[in-house]
Amino acid sequence: MRLIVGISGASGIIYGIRLLQVLKDFNVETHLIMTNSAKETLRLETDYQVHEVEALASKSYNINDIAAPMASGSFKFDAMVIVPCSMKTLAGIATGYASNLLLRAADVALKEHRPLILVIRETPLNIIHIRNMLIAAKAGAIILPAMPGFYHNPKTIQDMIDFIIGKILDQLGLEHNLYERWKGPLYKIKASKINQNIK
């Protein structure tokens, strides 16, 4: 599998880093594009260096390299994920304003009908954000907000991060065990009775 991974400057850059780590474990070929704002967010939110994040990918590209392979529809890839996806990047995608390599690659994904997963990270949302999400979704993008669930009883921040990464992997068709899947209230009742009998 060959994936394009975009990291924009929205808060929550750890999602992008963790996705690259997991995909590396899966031996997935990853092509990374980081915006300049993402590099600044990396400095503010983590102890990682840019070169350390780039080393997690199979190959990385300069945001202004419009001559890079994924700027053309002839570049074959299976899907693209932008994680996290800022509202600025979302706006560029929704309007077709391909002013850098990240936006151009997303534009290519849509025009070539390949999965484009946008892990948006903003709250609260204004009507412009909502409208842009609708436009992107109508164009074929998958809107996957960074909204961690709690039904799997997360104990750590890592558990909450992995929940979102697991949701991304689900969309990519990659099997994982990053979080426990919902089994319904009847399962919980049965499990509780079994535990009582054991005691």
Protein backbone atom coordinates (compact mmCIF):
# COMPACT_ATOMS: atom_id res chain seq x y z
CA MET A 1 0.00 0.00 0.00
CA ARG A 2 1.21 3.50 -0.86
CA LEU A 3 -0.16 6.45 1.11
CA ILE A 4 0.32 10.20 1.07
CA VAL A 5 0.34 11.64 4.59
CA GLY A 6 -0.13 15.35 5.02
CA ILE A 7 0.45 17.18 8.29
CA SER A 8 -0.86 20.75 8.53
CA GLY A 9 -0.40 23.32 11.27
CA ALA A 10 -3.50 22.54 13.34
CA SER A 11 -3.10 21.61 16.98
CA GLY A 12 -2.90 17.86 17.50
CA ILE A 13 0.22 17.14 15.48
CA ILE A 14 0.76 14.03 17.62
CA TYR A 15 -1.98 12.37 15.55
CA GLY A 16 0.13 12.71 12.43
CA ILE A 17 3.25 11.44 14.17
CA ARG A 18 1.44 8.44 15.65
CA LEU A 19 -0.10 7.56 12.28
CA LEU A 20 3.35 7.52 10.68
CA GLN A 21 4.66 5.28 13.48
CA VAL A 22 1.83 2.80 13.07
CA LEU A 23 2.03 2.77 9.27
CA LYS A 24 5.75 2.09 9.53
CA ASP A 25 4.96 -0.95 11.67
CA PHE A 26 2.56 -2.05 8.92
CA ASN A 27 5.37 -1.65 6.33
CA VAL A 28 3.15 0.81 4.42
CA GLU A 29 4.94 3.09 1.95
CA THR A 30 4.34 6.66 3.12
CA HIS A 31 4.99 9.95 1.33
CA LEU A 32 5.00 12.82 3.82
CA ILE A 33 4.18 16.48 3.21
CA MET A 34 4.46 18.85 6.18
CA THR A 35 3.46 22.49 6.00
CA ASN A 36 5.65 25.20 7.48
CA SER A 37 2.99 25.79 10.12
CA ALA A 38 3.11 22.08 11.01
CA LYS A 39 6.82 22.37 11.71
CA GLU A 40 6.12 25.27 14.06
CA THR A 41 3.32 23.34 15.79
CA LEU A 42 5.70 20.40 16.15
CA ARG A 43 8.10 22.64 18.06
CA LEU A 44 5.33 24.03 20.28
CA GLU A 45 3.50 20.79 21.09
CA THR A 46 6.19 18.09 21.17
CA ASP A 47 9.85 17.36 21.77
CA TYR A 48 10.22 15.88 18.27
CA GLN A 49 12.51 17.41 15.67
CA VAL A 50 11.37 17.77 12.05
CA HIS A 51 13.99 15.30 10.83
CA GLU A 52 12.75 12.70 13.32
CA VAL A 53 9.21 12.93 11.97
CA GLU A 54 10.42 12.87 8.37
CA ALA A 55 12.45 9.74 9.18
CA LEU A 56 9.21 7.91 10.01
CA ALA A 57 8.07 8.25 6.39
CA SER A 58 9.39 6.41 3.35
CA LYS A 59 9.97 9.79 1.71
CA SER A 60 9.25 13.40 2.57
CA TYR A 61 8.71 16.45 0.37
CA ASN A 62 9.02 20.21 0.61
CA ILE A 63 5.65 21.94 0.82
CA ASN A 64 6.55 24.17 -2.16
CA ASP A 65 7.78 21.34 -4.40
CA ILE A 66 5.01 21.51 -6.98
CA ALA A 67 7.14 19.32 -9.27
CA ALA A 68 6.94 16.40 -6.79
CA PRO A 69 5.42 13.13 -8.08
CA MET A 70 2.07 13.45 -6.23
CA ALA A 71 1.40 16.77 -7.95
CA SER A 72 0.38 14.70 -10.97
CA GLY A 73 -2.54 12.34 -11.38
CA SER A 74 -0.14 9.87 -12.98
CA PHE A 75 1.41 9.19 -9.55
CA LYS A 76 -0.23 6.02 -8.25
CA PHE A 77 -1.24 5.94 -4.59
CA ASP A 78 -3.96 4.18 -2.66
CA ALA A 79 -5.16 6.97 -0.37
CA MET A 80 -4.24 10.27 1.24
CA VAL A 81 -4.64 11.31 4.86
CA ILE A 82 -4.24 14.85 6.19
CA VAL A 83 -3.81 14.61 9.96
CA PRO A 84 -4.38 16.99 11.55
CA CYS A 85 -6.19 19.06 8.94
CA SER A 86 -6.38 22.77 9.72
CA MET A 87 -9.31 24.92 8.66
CA LYS A 88 -6.98 26.78 6.31
CA THR A 89 -6.04 23.52 4.56
CA LEU A 90 -9.69 22.47 4.49
CA ALA A 91 -10.59 25.80 2.88
CA GLY A 92 -7.93 25.32 0.22
CA ILE A 93 -9.25 21.85 -0.59
CA ALA A 94 -12.89 22.97 -0.65
CA THR A 95 -12.15 25.81 -3.06
CA GLY A 96 -9.61 23.99 -5.23
CA TYR A 97 -6.96 26.55 -4.31
CA ALA A 98 -3.93 24.29 -4.80
CA SER A 99 -1.31 26.83 -3.72
CA ASN A 100 1.17 24.27 -2.34
CA LEU A 101 2.06 20.59 -2.69
CA LEU A 102 -0.25 19.45 0.11
CA LEU A 103 -3.29 21.13 -1.45
CA ARG A 104 -2.33 19.99 -4.94
CA ALA A 105 -1.96 16.37 -3.79
CA ALA A 106 -5.39 16.56 -2.13
CA ASP A 107 -6.82 18.02 -5.34
CA VAL A 108 -5.28 15.12 -7.27
CA ALA A 109 -6.78 12.60 -4.84
CA LEU A 110 -10.25 14.04 -5.41
CA LYS A 111 -9.98 14.31 -9.18
CA GLU A 112 -8.59 10.78 -9.45
CA HIS A 113 -11.33 9.45 -7.12
CA ARG A 114 -8.90 8.13 -4.51
CA PRO A 115 -9.74 8.18 -0.78
CA LEU A 116 -8.92 11.49 0.89
CA ILE A 117 -9.26 11.42 4.68
CA LEU A 118 -9.37 14.78 6.44
CA VAL A 119 -8.79 14.57 10.20
CA ILE A 120 -10.04 18.02 11.08
CA ARG A 121 -9.02 19.59 14.40
CA GLU A 122 -10.94 22.68 15.43
CA THR A 123 -13.60 23.60 17.95
CA PRO A 124 -16.03 25.24 18.02
CA LEU A 125 -16.86 25.31 14.32
CA ASN A 126 -18.26 28.32 12.51
CA ILE A 127 -20.55 28.17 9.49
CA ILE A 128 -17.60 28.63 7.10
CA HIS A 129 -15.86 25.55 8.52
CA ILE A 130 -19.07 23.53 8.28
CA ARG A 131 -19.73 24.68 4.72
CA ASN A 132 -16.19 23.77 3.66
CA MET A 133 -16.53 20.31 5.20
CA LEU A 134 -19.77 19.80 3.28
CA ILE A 135 -18.16 20.91 0.01
CA ALA A 136 -15.16 18.62 0.57
CA ALA A 137 -17.41 15.70 1.50
CA LYS A 138 -19.56 16.21 -1.60
CA ALA A 139 -16.34 16.20 -3.67
CA GLY A 140 -15.47 12.78 -2.20
CA ALA A 141 -13.42 13.50 0.92
CA ILE A 142 -13.95 11.54 4.14
CA ILE A 143 -14.38 13.91 7.09
CA LEU A 144 -12.94 12.22 10.18
CA PRO A 145 -12.86 14.72 13.07
CA ALA A 146 -10.30 14.17 15.83
CA MET A 147 -13.06 13.28 18.31
CA PRO A 148 -11.92 10.47 20.61
CA GLY A 149 -14.54 8.03 21.86
CA PHE A 150 -14.86 6.84 25.43
CA TYR A 151 -16.79 3.57 25.15
CA HIS A 152 -13.48 1.67 25.21
CA ASN A 153 -12.66 3.25 28.58
CA PRO A 154 -9.38 5.00 27.70
CA LYS A 155 -6.94 5.21 30.58
CA THR A 156 -4.25 7.41 29.03
CA ILE A 157 -3.83 10.16 26.45
CA GLN A 158 -2.15 7.51 24.28
CA ASP A 159 -5.37 5.46 24.37
CA MET A 160 -7.31 8.49 23.12
CA ILE A 161 -4.79 9.15 20.35
CA ASP A 162 -4.82 5.52 19.25
CA PHE A 163 -8.62 5.59 19.03
CA ILE A 164 -8.40 8.21 16.26
CA ILE A 165 -5.53 6.39 14.54
CA GLY A 166 -7.60 3.22 14.65
CA LYS A 167 -10.50 5.02 12.98
CA ILE A 168 -8.15 6.16 10.21
CA LEU A 169 -6.85 2.60 9.74
CA ASP A 170 -10.45 1.37 9.52
CA GLN A 171 -11.04 3.72 6.59
CA LEU A 172 -7.85 2.42 4.96
CA GLY A 173 -8.92 -1.20 5.41
CA LEU A 174 -6.02 -2.06 7.75
CA GLU A 175 -6.75 -4.47 10.61
CA HIS A 176 -5.53 -3.34 14.01
CA ASN A 177 -6.01 -3.65 17.75
CA LEU A 178 -5.38 -0.05 18.77
CA TYR A 179 -8.62 0.08 20.73
CA GLU A 180 -11.33 -2.31 21.87
CA ARG A 181 -14.33 -2.22 19.57
CA TRP A 182 -17.85 -1.60 20.81
CA LYS A 183 -19.62 -4.87 21.59
CA GLY A 184 -22.89 -3.48 22.87
CA PRO A 185 -24.60 -3.33 26.29
CA LEU A 186 -25.62 -7.02 26.24
CA TYR A 187 -21.97 -8.02 26.01
CA LYS A 188 -21.15 -5.86 29.03
CA ILE A 189 -24.01 -7.41 31.03
CA LYS A 190 -22.87 -10.95 30.14
CA ALA A 191 -19.25 -10.10 30.94
CA SER A 192 -20.33 -8.70 34.30
CA LYS A 193 -22.25 -11.88 35.16
CA ILE A 194 -19.29 -14.05 34.16
CA ASN A 195 -17.03 -12.00 36.43
CA GLN A 196 -19.49 -12.37 39.31
CA ASN A 197 -19.61 -16.14 38.84
CA ILE A 198 -15.83 -16.31 38.85
CA LYS A 199 -15.75 -14.47 42.17
